[in-house]
Amino acid sequence: MKEGPDIAQIGALIGDPARANMLTALMGGRALTATELAGAAGITLQTASSHLSKLEAGGLLAQRKQGRHRYFALMDDEVGLLLEGLMGFAANRGFLRARPGPKDPALRKARVCYNHLAGDFGVRMLDRMVLDGHVAIEGDDAALTKSGEERMRQLGIDMDALHSQRRPVCRTCLDWSERRSHMAGSLGEALLSRFIDEGWARRSGESRAIHSRRPASALSATCFPCPTVNELSAADPAGQAAQVTASRRTLLRQTHQRPEAGARPTCTPG
């Protein structure tokens, strides 16, 4: 008799195309009704109800009622990280949708990954924090340094509140479009909330895309200047920076503005 975790059950739950589409729709972090999820999956409401019951029983979804309406959301951060990891794995193995939709470029630029910032801007932000010594990375583990704590407090992040939570403050999450890590954990959520509250960014009403507002240039230049290719290479003498794709290197060069004397290079916000 075989023992251990049964990944077949989780795989079967996620592997159904309709259920996969519903789970993906919930990656935006918002609770949705069964009708909205049925539309996202392209199925009838009756069929969606059956799928939702299975996902809830499997510990992937949580349901809450408000008046006569029932809303569904991902159970917790672990489900969101699992789904984003599977997206990255699928992209790396070439399992992509037949034809990218018109919203794909916006999703690759900046999007919500359950409750934190993902896409090119999310990866850039983590790159900058590591290069500035604010975050220490060891394998898949991330930790906020003392200087990082001070920097986050300067940005208005309530670090005492984050430390009081049971979940990790810092956590890396594999980005499915960039194939590299962005910042997750309670800090990742707090930073995204801060950007939206300050008006630096806004959420799309139709997708997971995050759109920058004009004041976001201040965020890019002052808080998280885009790292240069030379900085990435110098910080990685083992040569892992060479794995950064040629397209990303080109993007970094194209988006850098010529800095003033003594200033850091900056780039157009994601």
C-alpha atoms as a PDB file:
ATOM      1  CA  MET A   1       0.000   0.000   0.000  1.00  0.00           C
ATOM      2  CA  LYS A   2       1.425   3.357  -1.035  1.00  0.00           C
ATOM      3  CA  GLU A   3       1.557   6.123   1.547  1.00  0.00           C
ATOM      4  CA  GLY A   4       2.108   9.873   1.457  1.00  0.00           C
ATOM      5  CA  PRO A   5       0.340  12.902  -0.033  1.00  0.00           C
ATOM      6  CA  ASP A   6      -2.078  12.110  -2.848  1.00  0.00           C
ATOM      7  CA  ILE A   7      -1.222  14.667  -5.523  1.00  0.00           C
ATOM      8  CA  ALA A   8      -3.542  12.873  -7.964  1.00  0.00           C
ATOM      9  CA  GLN A   9      -6.612  14.267  -6.218  1.00  0.00           C
ATOM     10  CA  ILE A  10      -5.335  17.849  -6.337  1.00  0.00           C
ATOM     11  CA  GLY A  11      -4.231  17.351  -9.919  1.00  0.00           C
ATOM     12  CA  ALA A  12      -7.679  16.087 -10.888  1.00  0.00           C
ATOM     13  CA  LEU A  13      -9.376  19.050  -9.234  1.00  0.00           C
ATOM     14  CA  ILE A  14      -7.193  21.639 -10.956  1.00  0.00           C
ATOM     15  CA  GLY A  15      -6.806  19.725 -14.224  1.00  0.00           C
ATOM     16  CA  ASP A  16     -10.407  20.055 -15.391  1.00  0.00           C
ATOM     17  CA  PRO A  17     -10.463  22.932 -17.947  1.00  0.00           C
ATOM     18  CA  ALA A  18     -13.597  24.535 -16.525  1.00  0.00           C
ATOM     19  CA  ARG A  19     -12.303  24.398 -12.949  1.00  0.00           C
ATOM     20  CA  ALA A  20      -8.894  25.665 -14.085  1.00  0.00           C
ATOM     21  CA  ASN A  21     -10.558  28.681 -15.712  1.00  0.00           C
ATOM     22  CA  MET A  22     -12.546  29.435 -12.576  1.00  0.00           C
ATOM     23  CA  LEU A  23      -9.454  29.199 -10.384  1.00  0.00           C
ATOM     24  CA  THR A  24      -7.558  31.480 -12.753  1.00  0.00           C
ATOM     25  CA  ALA A  25     -10.388  34.025 -12.588  1.00  0.00           C
ATOM     26  CA  LEU A  26     -10.022  34.076  -8.796  1.00  0.00           C
ATOM     27  CA  MET A  27      -6.293  34.806  -9.009  1.00  0.00           C
ATOM     28  CA  GLY A  28      -7.200  38.485  -9.054  1.00  0.00           C
ATOM     29  CA  GLY A  29      -7.888  38.236  -5.333  1.00  0.00           C
ATOM     30  CA  ARG A  30     -11.531  39.256  -5.601  1.00  0.00           C
ATOM     31  CA  ALA A  31     -14.437  37.080  -4.500  1.00  0.00           C
ATOM     32  CA  LEU A  32     -16.768  36.216  -7.390  1.00  0.00           C
ATOM     33  CA  THR A  33     -20.273  34.813  -7.617  1.00  0.00           C
ATOM     34  CA  ALA A  34     -21.092  31.467  -9.169  1.00  0.00           C
ATOM     35  CA  THR A  35     -22.637  33.298 -12.134  1.00  0.00           C
ATOM     36  CA  GLU A  36     -19.432  35.269 -12.729  1.00  0.00           C
ATOM     37  CA  LEU A  37     -17.328  32.124 -12.464  1.00  0.00           C
ATOM     38  CA  ALA A  38     -19.631  30.260 -14.828  1.00  0.00           C
ATOM     39  CA  GLY A  39     -19.072  33.033 -17.367  1.00  0.00           C
ATOM     40  CA  ALA A  40     -15.311  32.834 -16.886  1.00  0.00           C
ATOM     41  CA  ALA A  41     -15.400  29.076 -17.489  1.00  0.00           C
ATOM     42  CA  GLY A  42     -17.874  29.226 -20.372  1.00  0.00           C
ATOM     43  CA  ILE A  43     -20.286  26.793 -18.741  1.00  0.00           C
ATOM     44  CA  THR A  44     -23.833  26.836 -17.378  1.00  0.00           C
ATOM     45  CA  LEU A  45     -24.584  27.937 -13.834  1.00  0.00           C
ATOM     46  CA  GLN A  46     -25.759  24.432 -12.907  1.00  0.00           C
ATOM     47  CA  THR A  47     -22.483  22.889 -14.109  1.00  0.00           C
ATOM     48  CA  ALA A  48     -20.485  25.623 -12.357  1.00  0.00           C
ATOM     49  CA  SER A  49     -22.215  24.873  -9.050  1.00  0.00           C
ATOM     50  CA  SER A  50     -21.100  21.242  -9.288  1.00  0.00           C
ATOM     51  CA  HIS A  51     -17.495  22.253 -10.005  1.00  0.00           C
ATOM     52  CA  LEU A  52     -17.485  24.804  -7.185  1.00  0.00           C
ATOM     53  CA  SER A  53     -18.705  22.201  -4.702  1.00  0.00           C
ATOM     54  CA  LYS A  54     -15.802  19.932  -5.645  1.00  0.00           C
ATOM     55  CA  LEU A  55     -13.248  22.756  -5.362  1.00  0.00           C
ATOM     56  CA  GLU A  56     -14.630  23.782  -1.986  1.00  0.00           C
ATOM     57  CA  ALA A  57     -14.584  20.191  -0.711  1.00  0.00           C
ATOM     58  CA  GLY A  58     -10.998  19.874  -1.922  1.00  0.00           C
ATOM     59  CA  GLY A  59      -9.873  22.857   0.152  1.00  0.00           C
ATOM     60  CA  LEU A  60      -9.114  25.100  -2.826  1.00  0.00           C
ATOM     61  CA  LEU A  61     -12.016  27.530  -2.445  1.00  0.00           C
ATOM     62  CA  ALA A  62     -13.771  29.261   0.420  1.00  0.00           C
ATOM     63  CA  GLN A  63     -17.355  30.464   0.280  1.00  0.00           C
ATOM     64  CA  ARG A  64     -18.965  33.343   2.081  1.00  0.00           C
ATOM     65  CA  LYS A  65     -22.515  34.643   2.032  1.00  0.00           C
ATOM     66  CA  GLN A  66     -23.659  38.228   1.922  1.00  0.00           C
ATOM     67  CA  GLY A  67     -27.414  38.579   1.900  1.00  0.00           C
ATOM     68  CA  ARG A  68     -28.813  36.357  -0.813  1.00  0.00           C
ATOM     69  CA  HIS A  69     -25.516  36.167  -2.670  1.00  0.00           C
ATOM     70  CA  ARG A  70     -22.735  33.618  -2.321  1.00  0.00           C
ATOM     71  CA  TYR A  71     -19.179  34.583  -3.134  1.00  0.00           C
ATOM     72  CA  PHE A  72     -16.215  32.334  -3.796  1.00  0.00           C
ATOM     73  CA  ALA A  73     -12.509  33.059  -3.292  1.00  0.00           C
ATOM     74  CA  LEU A  74      -9.276  31.080  -3.127  1.00  0.00           C
ATOM     75  CA  MET A  75      -8.924  29.405   0.250  1.00  0.00           C
ATOM     76  CA  ASP A  76      -5.589  31.015   1.159  1.00  0.00           C
ATOM     77  CA  ASP A  77      -2.193  32.224  -0.062  1.00  0.00           C
ATOM     78  CA  GLU A  78      -0.936  28.677  -0.589  1.00  0.00           C
ATOM     79  CA  VAL A  79      -3.567  28.045  -3.258  1.00  0.00           C
ATOM     80  CA  GLY A  80      -2.587  31.243  -5.081  1.00  0.00           C
ATOM     81  CA  LEU A  81       1.104  30.331  -4.939  1.00  0.00           C
ATOM     82  CA  LEU A  82       0.343  26.827  -6.191  1.00  0.00           C
ATOM     83  CA  LEU A  83      -1.593  28.155  -9.178  1.00  0.00           C
ATOM     84  CA  GLU A  84       1.023  30.757 -10.074  1.00  0.00           C
ATOM     85  CA  GLY A  85       3.706  28.075  -9.819  1.00  0.00           C
ATOM     86  CA  LEU A  86       1.746  25.799 -12.151  1.00  0.00           C
ATOM     87  CA  MET A  87       1.369  28.673 -14.618  1.00  0.00           C
ATOM     88  CA  GLY A  88       5.117  29.201 -14.583  1.00  0.00           C
ATOM     89  CA  PHE A  89       5.752  25.469 -15.040  1.00  0.00           C
ATOM     90  CA  ALA A  90       3.275  25.292 -17.935  1.00  0.00           C
ATOM     91  CA  ALA A  91       4.850  28.304 -19.620  1.00  0.00           C
ATOM     92  CA  ASN A  92       8.357  26.833 -19.230  1.00  0.00           C
ATOM     93  CA  ARG A  93       7.221  23.563 -20.814  1.00  0.00           C
ATOM     94  CA  GLY A  94       5.491  25.301 -23.712  1.00  0.00           C
ATOM     95  CA  PHE A  95       1.907  24.636 -22.623  1.00  0.00           C
ATOM     96  CA  LEU A  96       0.421  27.946 -23.710  1.00  0.00           C
ATOM     97  CA  ARG A  97      -2.958  28.978 -25.007  1.00  0.00           C
ATOM     98  CA  ALA A  98      -3.184  28.826 -28.785  1.00  0.00           C
ATOM     99  CA  ARG A  99      -3.365  32.556 -29.353  1.00  0.00           C
ATOM    100  CA  PRO A 100      -2.678  35.277 -26.758  1.00  0.00           C
ATOM    101  CA  GLY A 101      -5.609  37.603 -26.227  1.00  0.00           C
ATOM    102  CA  PRO A 102      -5.339  41.388 -26.492  1.00  0.00           C
ATOM    103  CA  LYS A 103      -5.097  41.702 -22.699  1.00  0.00           C
ATOM    104  CA  ASP A 104      -1.993  39.511 -22.417  1.00  0.00           C
ATOM    105  CA  PRO A 105       0.553  42.354 -22.837  1.00  0.00           C
ATOM    106  CA  ALA A 106      -1.072  44.222 -19.942  1.00  0.00           C
ATOM    107  CA  LEU A 107      -1.010  41.092 -17.774  1.00  0.00           C
ATOM    108  CA  ARG A 108       2.659  40.531 -18.516  1.00  0.00           C
ATOM    109  CA  LYS A 109       3.447  44.121 -17.598  1.00  0.00           C
ATOM    110  CA  ALA A 110       1.746  44.201 -14.199  1.00  0.00           C
ATOM    111  CA  ARG A 111      -1.016  42.081 -12.691  1.00  0.00           C
ATOM    112  CA  VAL A 112      -2.450  40.824  -9.426  1.00  0.00           C
ATOM    113  CA  CYS A 113      -1.228  37.385  -8.347  1.00  0.00           C
ATOM    114  CA  TYR A 114      -3.899  36.600  -5.748  1.00  0.00           C
ATOM    115  CA  ASN A 115      -3.015  39.512  -3.444  1.00  0.00           C
ATOM    116  CA  HIS A 116       0.398  40.795  -4.568  1.00  0.00           C
ATOM    117  CA  LEU A 117       2.044  42.389  -7.592  1.00  0.00           C
ATOM    118  CA  ALA A 118       3.291  40.179 -10.419  1.00  0.00           C
ATOM    119  CA  GLY A 119       4.509  40.605 -13.976  1.00  0.00           C
ATOM    120  CA  ASP A 120       7.492  42.619 -15.201  1.00  0.00           C
ATOM    121  CA  PHE A 121       7.004  45.362 -12.626  1.00  0.00           C
ATOM    122  CA  GLY A 122       6.719  42.862  -9.765  1.00  0.00           C
ATOM    123  CA  VAL A 123       9.939  41.110 -10.803  1.00  0.00           C
ATOM    124  CA  ARG A 124      11.719  44.440 -11.231  1.00  0.00           C
ATOM    125  CA  MET A 125      10.641  45.524  -7.767  1.00  0.00           C
ATOM    126  CA  LEU A 126      12.119  42.410  -6.144  1.00  0.00           C
ATOM    127  CA  ASP A 127      15.323  42.804  -8.203  1.00  0.00           C
ATOM    128  CA  ARG A 128      15.738  46.335  -6.869  1.00  0.00           C
ATOM    129  CA  MET A 129      15.081  45.333  -3.271  1.00  0.00           C
ATOM    130  CA  VAL A 130      17.701  42.572  -3.470  1.00  0.00           C
ATOM    131  CA  LEU A 131      20.300  44.802  -5.136  1.00  0.00           C
ATOM    132  CA  ASP A 132      19.760  47.513  -2.510  1.00  0.00           C
ATOM    133  CA  GLY A 133      20.266  44.987   0.278  1.00  0.00           C
ATOM    134  CA  HIS A 134      16.696  45.316   1.517  1.00  0.00           C
ATOM    135  CA  VAL A 135      15.841  41.658   0.844  1.00  0.00           C
ATOM    136  CA  ALA A 136      18.142  38.649   1.234  1.00  0.00           C
ATOM    137  CA  ILE A 137      17.477  35.677  -1.060  1.00  0.00           C
ATOM    138  CA  GLU A 138      18.725  32.159  -0.371  1.00  0.00           C
ATOM    139  CA  GLY A 139      17.286  29.585  -2.745  1.00  0.00           C
ATOM    140  CA  ASP A 140      13.508  30.018  -2.649  1.00  0.00           C
ATOM    141  CA  ASP A 141      13.619  31.715   0.779  1.00  0.00           C
ATOM    142  CA  ALA A 142      13.441  35.489   1.191  1.00  0.00           C
ATOM    143  CA  ALA A 143      14.020  37.626   4.270  1.00  0.00           C
ATOM    144  CA  LEU A 144      13.677  41.345   4.870  1.00  0.00           C
ATOM    145  CA  THR A 145      16.926  42.862   6.173  1.00  0.00           C
ATOM    146  CA  LYS A 146      17.222  45.574   8.826  1.00  0.00           C
ATOM    147  CA  SER A 147      17.686  48.234   6.145  1.00  0.00           C
ATOM    148  CA  GLY A 148      14.699  46.750   4.337  1.00  0.00           C
ATOM    149  CA  GLU A 149      12.535  47.130   7.438  1.00  0.00           C
ATOM    150  CA  GLU A 150      13.523  50.785   7.685  1.00  0.00           C
ATOM    151  CA  ARG A 151      12.831  51.347   4.000  1.00  0.00           C
ATOM    152  CA  MET A 152       9.389  49.763   4.199  1.00  0.00           C
ATOM    153  CA  ARG A 153       8.490  51.924   7.200  1.00  0.00           C
ATOM    154  CA  GLN A 154       9.555  54.980   5.187  1.00  0.00           C
ATOM    155  CA  LEU A 155       7.094  53.877   2.508  1.00  0.00           C
ATOM    156  CA  GLY A 156       4.310  53.774   5.086  1.00  0.00           C
ATOM    157  CA  ILE A 157       4.171  49.996   5.557  1.00  0.00           C
ATOM    158  CA  ASP A 158       3.068  48.938   9.057  1.00  0.00           C
ATOM    159  CA  MET A 159       5.804  46.397   9.735  1.00  0.00           C
ATOM    160  CA  ASP A 160       4.585  45.686  13.278  1.00  0.00           C
ATOM    161  CA  ALA A 161       1.251  44.550  11.851  1.00  0.00           C
ATOM    162  CA  LEU A 162       2.977  42.316   9.292  1.00  0.00           C
ATOM    163  CA  HIS A 163       5.151  40.663  11.940  1.00  0.00           C
ATOM    164  CA  SER A 164       2.078  39.925  14.048  1.00  0.00           C
ATOM    165  CA  GLN A 165       0.594  37.777  11.295  1.00  0.00           C
ATOM    166  CA  ARG A 166       1.192  34.041  11.124  1.00  0.00           C
ATOM    167  CA  ARG A 167       2.153  33.970   7.450  1.00  0.00           C
ATOM    168  CA  PRO A 168       5.652  34.881   6.199  1.00  0.00           C
ATOM    169  CA  VAL A 169       6.483  38.560   5.732  1.00  0.00           C
ATOM    170  CA  CYS A 170       8.587  37.813   2.641  1.00  0.00           C
ATOM    171  CA  ARG A 171       8.028  34.991   0.227  1.00  0.00           C
ATOM    172  CA  THR A 172       9.116  34.526  -3.371  1.00  0.00           C
ATOM    173  CA  CYS A 173       6.626  33.462  -6.003  1.00  0.00           C
ATOM    174  CA  LEU A 174       7.585  32.186  -9.469  1.00  0.00           C
ATOM    175  CA  ASP A 175       6.228  34.556 -12.118  1.00  0.00           C
ATOM    176  CA  TRP A 176       4.626  32.639 -14.997  1.00  0.00           C
ATOM    177  CA  SER A 177       5.312  35.325 -17.615  1.00  0.00           C
ATOM    178  CA  GLU A 178       8.796  36.454 -16.544  1.00  0.00           C
ATOM    179  CA  ARG A 179       9.938  32.954 -15.434  1.00  0.00           C
ATOM    180  CA  ARG A 180      11.592  34.592 -12.410  1.00  0.00           C
ATOM    181  CA  SER A 181      10.486  35.421  -8.882  1.00  0.00           C
ATOM    182  CA  HIS A 182       8.430  38.338  -7.588  1.00  0.00           C
ATOM    183  CA  MET A 183       7.604  39.324  -4.004  1.00  0.00           C
ATOM    184  CA  ALA A 184       4.741  37.563  -2.239  1.00  0.00           C
ATOM    185  CA  GLY A 185       3.924  37.131   1.456  1.00  0.00           C
ATOM    186  CA  SER A 186       2.306  39.752   3.669  1.00  0.00           C
ATOM    187  CA  LEU A 187       4.824  42.363   2.472  1.00  0.00           C
ATOM    188  CA  GLY A 188       3.909  41.753  -1.155  1.00  0.00           C
ATOM    189  CA  GLU A 189       0.238  42.289  -0.306  1.00  0.00           C
ATOM    190  CA  ALA A 190       0.994  45.410   1.756  1.00  0.00           C
ATOM    191  CA  LEU A 191       3.059  46.972  -1.040  1.00  0.00           C
ATOM    192  CA  LEU A 192       0.343  46.407  -3.658  1.00  0.00           C
ATOM    193  CA  SER A 193      -2.277  47.885  -1.324  1.00  0.00           C
ATOM    194  CA  ARG A 194      -0.011  50.872  -0.711  1.00  0.00           C
ATOM    195  CA  PHE A 195       0.449  51.500  -4.448  1.00  0.00           C
ATOM    196  CA  ILE A 196      -3.312  51.435  -5.012  1.00  0.00           C
ATOM    197  CA  ASP A 197      -4.163  53.531  -1.929  1.00  0.00           C
ATOM    198  CA  GLU A 198      -1.633  56.187  -2.960  1.00  0.00           C
ATOM    199  CA  GLY A 199      -3.064  56.342  -6.474  1.00  0.00           C
ATOM    200  CA  TRP A 200       0.148  55.075  -8.074  1.00  0.00           C
ATOM    201  CA  ALA A 201      -1.756  52.200  -9.665  1.00  0.00           C
ATOM    202  CA  ARG A 202      -5.298  51.010 -10.245  1.00  0.00           C
ATOM    203  CA  ARG A 203      -6.860  47.625 -10.773  1.00  0.00           C
ATOM    204  CA  SER A 204      -8.597  46.694 -13.999  1.00  0.00           C
ATOM    205  CA  GLY A 205     -12.285  46.009 -13.681  1.00  0.00           C
ATOM    206  CA  GLU A 206     -12.165  43.294 -16.357  1.00  0.00           C
ATOM    207  CA  SER A 207      -8.962  41.358 -15.676  1.00  0.00           C
ATOM    208  CA  ARG A 208      -6.067  40.900 -13.260  1.00  0.00           C
ATOM    209  CA  ALA A 209      -4.102  43.661 -14.983  1.00  0.00           C
ATOM    210  CA  ILE A 210      -2.720  46.558 -12.924  1.00  0.00           C
ATOM    211  CA  HIS A 211      -2.540  49.902 -14.723  1.00  0.00           C
ATOM    212  CA  SER A 212      -0.098  52.601 -13.658  1.00  0.00           C
ATOM    213  CA  ARG A 213      -1.209  56.172 -13.160  1.00  0.00           C
ATOM    214  CA  ARG A 214       0.870  59.235 -13.984  1.00  0.00           C
ATOM    215  CA  PRO A 215       2.140  59.659 -10.383  1.00  0.00           C
ATOM    216  CA  ALA A 216       3.590  56.135 -10.632  1.00  0.00           C
ATOM    217  CA  SER A 217       6.713  57.649 -12.197  1.00  0.00           C
ATOM    218  CA  ALA A 218       7.541  58.875  -8.703  1.00  0.00           C
ATOM    219  CA  LEU A 219       7.227  55.310  -7.437  1.00  0.00           C
ATOM    220  CA  SER A 220       9.621  53.966 -10.073  1.00  0.00           C
ATOM    221  CA  ALA A 221      12.224  56.719  -9.732  1.00  0.00           C
ATOM    222  CA  THR A 222      12.182  57.147  -5.969  1.00  0.00           C
ATOM    223  CA  CYS A 223      11.208  53.791  -4.479  1.00  0.00           C
ATOM    224  CA  PHE A 224      12.225  51.054  -6.905  1.00  0.00           C
ATOM    225  CA  PRO A 225      14.498  52.270  -9.719  1.00  0.00           C
ATOM    226  CA  CYS A 226      14.833  49.664 -12.447  1.00  0.00           C
ATOM    227  CA  PRO A 227      18.080  47.650 -12.054  1.00  0.00           C
ATOM    228  CA  THR A 228      20.568  47.834 -14.904  1.00  0.00           C
ATOM    229  CA  VAL A 229      21.945  44.779 -16.673  1.00  0.00           C
ATOM    230  CA  ASN A 230      25.401  45.598 -15.242  1.00  0.00           C
ATOM    231  CA  GLU A 231      23.956  45.683 -11.717  1.00  0.00           C
ATOM    232  CA  LEU A 232      22.290  42.312 -12.215  1.00  0.00           C
ATOM    233  CA  SER A 233      25.529  40.802 -13.505  1.00  0.00           C
ATOM    234  CA  ALA A 234      27.682  42.328 -10.729  1.00  0.00           C
ATOM    235  CA  ALA A 235      25.306  41.006  -8.086  1.00  0.00           C
ATOM    236  CA  ASP A 236      25.497  37.523  -9.576  1.00  0.00           C
ATOM    237  CA  PRO A 237      29.139  36.568 -10.209  1.00  0.00           C
ATOM    238  CA  ALA A 238      28.179  32.905 -10.555  1.00  0.00           C
ATOM    239  CA  GLY A 239      26.613  33.772 -13.886  1.00  0.00           C
ATOM    240  CA  GLN A 240      22.948  33.175 -13.094  1.00  0.00           C
ATOM    241  CA  ALA A 241      22.156  36.659 -14.371  1.00  0.00           C
ATOM    242  CA  ALA A 242      23.056  35.360 -17.828  1.00  0.00           C
ATOM    243  CA  GLN A 243      19.833  33.398 -17.669  1.00  0.00           C
ATOM    244  CA  VAL A 244      17.908  36.663 -17.935  1.00  0.00           C
ATOM    245  CA  THR A 245      16.405  36.465 -21.387  1.00  0.00           C
ATOM    246  CA  ALA A 246      17.635  38.628 -24.240  1.00  0.00           C
ATOM    247  CA  SER A 247      14.231  40.248 -24.491  1.00  0.00           C
ATOM    248  CA  ARG A 248      14.399  41.299 -20.839  1.00  0.00           C
ATOM    249  CA  ARG A 249      17.906  42.713 -21.330  1.00  0.00           C
ATOM    250  CA  THR A 250      16.606  44.665 -24.327  1.00  0.00           C
ATOM    251  CA  LEU A 251      13.653  45.925 -22.285  1.00  0.00           C
ATOM    252  CA  LEU A 252      15.960  47.101 -19.522  1.00  0.00           C
ATOM    253  CA  ARG A 253      18.151  49.026 -21.975  1.00  0.00           C
ATOM    254  CA  GLN A 254      15.173  50.560 -23.783  1.00  0.00           C
ATOM    255  CA  THR A 255      13.390  51.710 -20.641  1.00  0.00           C
ATOM    256  CA  HIS A 256      16.371  53.292 -18.886  1.00  0.00           C
ATOM    257  CA  GLN A 257      16.486  57.061 -18.969  1.00  0.00           C
ATOM    258  CA  ARG A 258      19.818  58.832 -18.935  1.00  0.00           C
ATOM    259  CA  PRO A 259      20.390  59.696 -15.255  1.00  0.00           C
ATOM    260  CA  GLU A 260      21.603  62.978 -13.935  1.00  0.00           C
ATOM    261  CA  ALA A 261      25.055  63.082 -12.384  1.00  0.00           C
ATOM    262  CA  GLY A 262      25.119  60.822  -9.336  1.00  0.00           C
ATOM    263  CA  ALA A 263      21.537  59.642  -9.795  1.00  0.00           C
ATOM    264  CA  ARG A 264      20.345  56.078 -10.286  1.00  0.00           C
ATOM    265  CA  PRO A 265      18.942  55.064 -13.676  1.00  0.00           C
ATOM    266  CA  THR A 266      15.184  54.820 -13.682  1.00  0.00           C
ATOM    267  CA  CYS A 267      12.668  53.268 -15.993  1.00  0.00           C
ATOM    268  CA  THR A 268       9.124  53.808 -17.066  1.00  0.00           C
ATOM    269  CA  PRO A 269       6.806  52.284 -14.437  1.00  0.00           C
ATOM    270  CA  GLY A 270       5.133  48.969 -15.131  1.00  0.00           C
END
